Amino acid sequence: MDRITRPKGRAKGRLKLGLARSGNGTRPRRTRDRAAKKQALIRAALGLFASKGYEVTTTREIAASAGCAEGLIHRYFKGKAGLLAAMIEHRVSKEGLDFGQHLRPASTLADEFLQLVDREVERMWENRDFLRVFIPRAIVDPSVGSVMNKTLISKRAKAISERLKHYQSCTTLTQDAMDALAQAVGMLGLVFGFVRPVLLGHEFPGAKKMAATVARILIANPAVSSVI
């Protein structure tokens, strides 16, 4: 009685195809596609919110700008409001809070204070579209301001304080004084990196130069020097 034989090559081919599909096939690609689409929607929303305003921008416009289906906004973010929260998370993950990779510690506290202010001014200028969106939203929606404070401002101030406390002249400072110095860096960055050049129309190079001047005056002030 003859046996029915199956070609070995075809069976192996099926096995390999099955492994490809269940192993390194479509799922990782779908994951990458999902991540890419989410990033595209976040970038598109940021640009439109900054140029047109949050209220008047529609999800259809965001989807069209991102080259994605409108339904993905609701699937990934539950609507426009969810996009705002995703933007904050994206900003935190993108910029990080560790200065060590980009800014070496200066030799003195005064020089460190000056370079931190300079960096914060540049950072606010780089993030001007983000701030255009979130500062107006924080005015009308306190919950947005609360999220920004917890995820961005407070953590950034803490990272600055951690850098400053390693200087010998800061070892005798109270925590309140350390916090004040760190907050001063952030406030100078906001005023001269965003408020003056973006809201008041001043030239950014001039605003940055003025920030350095104010920082020098502040750190050299006898009242400040006596504290540190």
Protein backbone atom coordinates (compact mmCIF):
# COMPACT_ATOMS: atom_id res chain seq x y z
CA MET A 1 0.00 0.00 0.00
CA ASP A 2 1.51 3.25 -1.09
CA ARG A 3 2.02 6.07 1.43
CA ILE A 4 1.04 9.61 0.72
CA THR A 5 4.14 11.79 1.14
CA ARG A 6 4.23 15.55 1.51
CA PRO A 7 7.04 17.63 0.08
CA LYS A 8 9.45 18.49 2.89
CA GLY A 9 10.38 21.82 1.42
CA ARG A 10 6.79 23.06 1.42
CA ALA A 11 6.29 22.05 5.04
CA LYS A 12 9.45 23.84 6.09
CA GLY A 13 8.37 26.88 4.15
CA ARG A 14 5.07 26.91 6.00
CA LEU A 15 6.86 26.53 9.31
CA LYS A 16 9.19 29.39 8.60
CA LEU A 17 6.33 31.58 7.48
CA GLY A 18 4.39 30.76 10.62
CA LEU A 19 7.37 31.64 12.80
CA ALA A 20 7.88 34.89 10.99
CA ARG A 21 4.30 35.90 11.56
CA SER A 22 4.13 34.85 15.18
CA GLY A 23 7.65 35.94 16.08
CA ASN A 24 9.21 38.98 14.46
CA GLY A 25 6.46 39.64 11.96
CA THR A 26 3.60 42.06 12.06
CA ARG A 27 3.27 42.88 15.75
CA PRO A 28 6.53 44.83 16.18
CA ARG A 29 5.80 46.66 12.93
CA ARG A 30 2.34 47.58 14.19
CA THR A 31 3.87 48.79 17.44
CA ARG A 32 6.28 51.00 15.53
CA ASP A 33 3.49 52.28 13.30
CA ARG A 34 1.34 53.09 16.33
CA ALA A 35 4.16 55.01 18.01
CA ALA A 36 4.94 56.91 14.81
CA LYS A 37 1.30 57.87 14.32
CA LYS A 38 0.97 59.03 17.91
CA GLN A 39 4.05 61.21 17.55
CA ALA A 40 2.77 62.60 14.26
CA LEU A 41 -0.56 63.51 15.87
CA ILE A 42 1.16 65.16 18.84
CA ARG A 43 3.41 67.24 16.56
CA ALA A 44 0.50 68.23 14.33
CA ALA A 45 -1.67 69.20 17.30
CA LEU A 46 1.12 71.28 18.85
CA GLY A 47 1.64 73.23 15.64
CA LEU A 48 -2.07 73.87 15.11
CA PHE A 49 -2.82 74.70 18.75
CA ALA A 50 0.09 77.18 18.76
CA SER A 51 -0.90 78.89 15.48
CA LYS A 52 -4.72 78.75 15.60
CA GLY A 53 -5.57 78.16 19.24
CA TYR A 54 -6.82 75.11 21.10
CA GLU A 55 -10.53 75.91 21.00
CA VAL A 56 -10.89 76.49 17.26
CA THR A 57 -8.65 73.63 16.11
CA THR A 58 -10.63 70.54 15.14
CA THR A 59 -9.60 66.92 15.38
CA ARG A 60 -10.18 66.65 11.63
CA GLU A 61 -7.55 69.34 11.01
CA ILE A 62 -5.10 67.62 13.34
CA ALA A 63 -5.58 64.28 11.62
CA ALA A 64 -5.19 65.82 8.16
CA SER A 65 -1.99 67.60 9.17
CA ALA A 66 -0.58 64.39 10.63
CA GLY A 67 -1.67 62.27 7.66
CA CYS A 68 -3.68 59.96 9.92
CA ALA A 69 -7.30 58.91 10.31
CA GLU A 70 -9.33 61.15 12.62
CA GLY A 71 -10.51 58.13 14.61
CA LEU A 72 -6.96 57.51 15.84
CA ILE A 73 -7.12 60.69 17.95
CA HIS A 74 -10.03 59.24 19.91
CA ARG A 75 -8.47 55.78 20.03
CA TYR A 76 -5.08 56.93 21.28
CA PHE A 77 -5.92 60.08 23.26
CA LYS A 78 -9.70 60.09 23.89
CA GLY A 79 -9.99 63.44 22.09
CA LYS A 80 -8.32 66.86 22.11
CA ALA A 81 -8.07 67.06 25.89
CA GLY A 82 -6.10 63.83 25.96
CA LEU A 83 -3.70 65.28 23.41
CA LEU A 84 -2.79 68.05 25.86
CA ALA A 85 -1.76 65.55 28.52
CA ALA A 86 0.17 63.54 25.94
CA MET A 87 2.05 66.69 24.89
CA ILE A 88 3.25 67.26 28.45
CA GLU A 89 4.39 63.65 28.77
CA HIS A 90 6.14 63.89 25.41
CA ARG A 91 7.90 67.10 26.45
CA VAL A 92 9.12 65.60 29.72
CA SER A 93 10.44 62.46 28.04
CA LYS A 94 12.05 64.42 25.21
CA GLU A 95 14.04 66.98 27.13
CA GLY A 96 14.72 65.01 30.31
CA LEU A 97 15.81 66.57 33.57
CA ASP A 98 19.47 65.58 33.69
CA PHE A 99 21.67 68.53 32.78
CA GLY A 100 24.84 66.44 32.98
CA GLN A 101 24.70 65.30 29.36
CA HIS A 102 24.48 68.84 27.98
CA LEU A 103 26.01 71.17 30.56
CA ARG A 104 29.17 70.60 32.54
CA PRO A 105 29.25 72.09 36.04
CA ALA A 106 31.06 75.43 36.23
CA SER A 107 33.97 76.04 38.59
CA THR A 108 32.12 78.57 40.77
CA LEU A 109 28.55 79.01 41.93
CA ALA A 110 28.29 82.38 40.18
CA ASP A 111 29.39 80.92 36.84
CA GLU A 112 27.06 77.96 37.34
CA PHE A 113 24.12 80.27 38.02
CA LEU A 114 24.90 82.28 34.87
CA GLN A 115 25.16 79.24 32.60
CA LEU A 116 21.97 77.73 34.02
CA VAL A 117 20.10 80.96 33.33
CA ASP A 118 21.52 81.06 29.81
CA ARG A 119 20.39 77.48 29.20
CA GLU A 120 16.91 78.11 30.59
CA VAL A 121 16.46 81.13 28.33
CA GLU A 122 17.39 79.00 25.31
CA ARG A 123 15.12 76.18 26.47
CA MET A 124 12.10 78.46 26.81
CA TRP A 125 12.75 79.88 23.37
CA GLU A 126 13.03 76.39 21.88
CA ASN A 127 9.75 75.42 23.58
CA ARG A 128 7.86 78.58 22.62
CA ASP A 129 5.17 76.72 20.64
CA PHE A 130 4.57 74.44 23.61
CA LEU A 131 4.25 77.45 25.92
CA ARG A 132 1.96 79.25 23.46
CA VAL A 133 -0.44 76.36 23.86
CA PHE A 134 -0.24 75.65 27.56
CA ILE A 135 0.01 79.06 29.22
CA PRO A 136 -3.37 80.22 27.82
CA ARG A 137 -4.92 76.84 28.69
CA ALA A 138 -3.58 77.05 32.25
CA ILE A 139 -5.31 80.43 32.68
CA VAL A 140 -8.76 79.05 31.81
CA ASP A 141 -8.22 75.53 33.15
CA PRO A 142 -6.37 75.37 36.51
CA SER A 143 -5.95 71.60 36.18
CA VAL A 144 -3.62 72.17 33.21
CA GLY A 145 -1.50 74.55 35.27
CA SER A 146 -1.36 72.00 38.08
CA VAL A 147 -0.13 69.28 35.73
CA MET A 148 2.51 71.59 34.25
CA ASN A 149 3.71 72.56 37.70
CA LYS A 150 4.04 68.97 38.89
CA THR A 151 5.55 67.44 35.76
CA LEU A 152 7.68 70.27 34.42
CA ILE A 153 8.30 73.28 36.65
CA SER A 154 8.76 71.60 40.04
CA LYS A 155 10.91 68.78 38.66
CA ARG A 156 13.05 71.22 36.70
CA ALA A 157 13.56 73.40 39.78
CA LYS A 158 14.53 70.34 41.79
CA ALA A 159 17.10 69.32 39.17
CA ILE A 160 18.59 72.84 39.24
CA SER A 161 18.69 72.81 43.04
CA GLU A 162 20.52 69.46 42.98
CA ARG A 163 23.23 70.99 40.81
CA LEU A 164 23.64 74.10 42.94
CA LYS A 165 23.86 72.34 46.28
CA HIS A 166 27.20 70.71 45.39
CA TYR A 167 28.97 74.08 45.60
CA GLN A 168 30.65 74.81 48.92
CA SER A 169 29.06 78.23 49.22
CA CYS A 170 25.65 76.53 49.19
CA THR A 171 26.32 74.06 52.00
CA THR A 172 25.06 76.47 54.66
CA LEU A 173 21.95 77.50 52.76
CA THR A 174 18.52 76.58 54.00
CA GLN A 175 16.28 74.59 51.69
CA ASP A 176 14.12 77.68 51.16
CA ALA A 177 17.14 79.65 49.96
CA MET A 178 18.16 76.83 47.62
CA ASP A 179 14.64 76.68 46.22
CA ALA A 180 14.67 80.46 45.72
CA LEU A 181 17.88 80.31 43.69
CA ALA A 182 16.53 77.47 41.57
CA GLN A 183 13.23 79.28 41.00
CA ALA A 184 15.14 82.42 40.01
CA VAL A 185 16.82 80.46 37.21
CA GLY A 186 13.45 79.27 35.94
CA MET A 187 11.79 82.67 36.16
CA LEU A 188 14.59 84.43 34.30
CA GLY A 189 14.35 81.76 31.64
CA LEU A 190 10.60 82.21 31.26
CA VAL A 191 10.69 86.02 31.19
CA PHE A 192 13.60 86.44 28.77
CA GLY A 193 13.15 83.25 26.75
CA PHE A 194 9.40 83.49 26.20
CA VAL A 195 7.58 86.55 27.56
CA ARG A 196 9.83 89.24 26.11
CA PRO A 197 10.65 87.73 22.69
CA VAL A 198 7.33 85.96 22.03
CA LEU A 199 4.66 88.00 23.81
CA LEU A 200 6.31 91.43 23.71
CA GLY A 201 8.03 91.10 20.36
CA HIS A 202 11.60 91.77 21.49
CA GLU A 203 14.50 90.32 19.51
CA PHE A 204 15.62 87.04 21.07
CA PRO A 205 19.38 87.82 21.04
CA GLY A 206 18.72 91.06 22.88
CA ALA A 207 16.44 89.35 25.39
CA LYS A 208 19.06 86.67 26.02
CA LYS A 209 21.75 89.28 26.56
CA MET A 210 19.53 91.14 29.01
CA ALA A 211 18.90 87.91 30.94
CA ALA A 212 22.65 87.46 31.38
CA THR A 213 22.96 91.04 32.64
CA VAL A 214 20.15 90.61 35.16
CA ALA A 215 21.63 87.29 36.31
CA ARG A 216 25.04 88.91 36.91
CA ILE A 217 23.44 91.72 38.89
CA LEU A 218 21.42 89.25 40.93
CA ILE A 219 24.27 86.89 41.79
CA ALA A 220 26.65 89.79 42.57
CA ASN A 221 24.13 91.62 44.76
CA PRO A 222 25.49 92.01 48.31
CA ALA A 223 22.20 90.79 49.76
CA VAL A 224 22.43 87.60 47.71
CA SER A 225 26.16 87.20 48.28
CA SER A 226 25.69 87.44 52.02
CA VAL A 227 23.25 84.54 51.88
CA ILE A 228 25.44 82.28 49.77
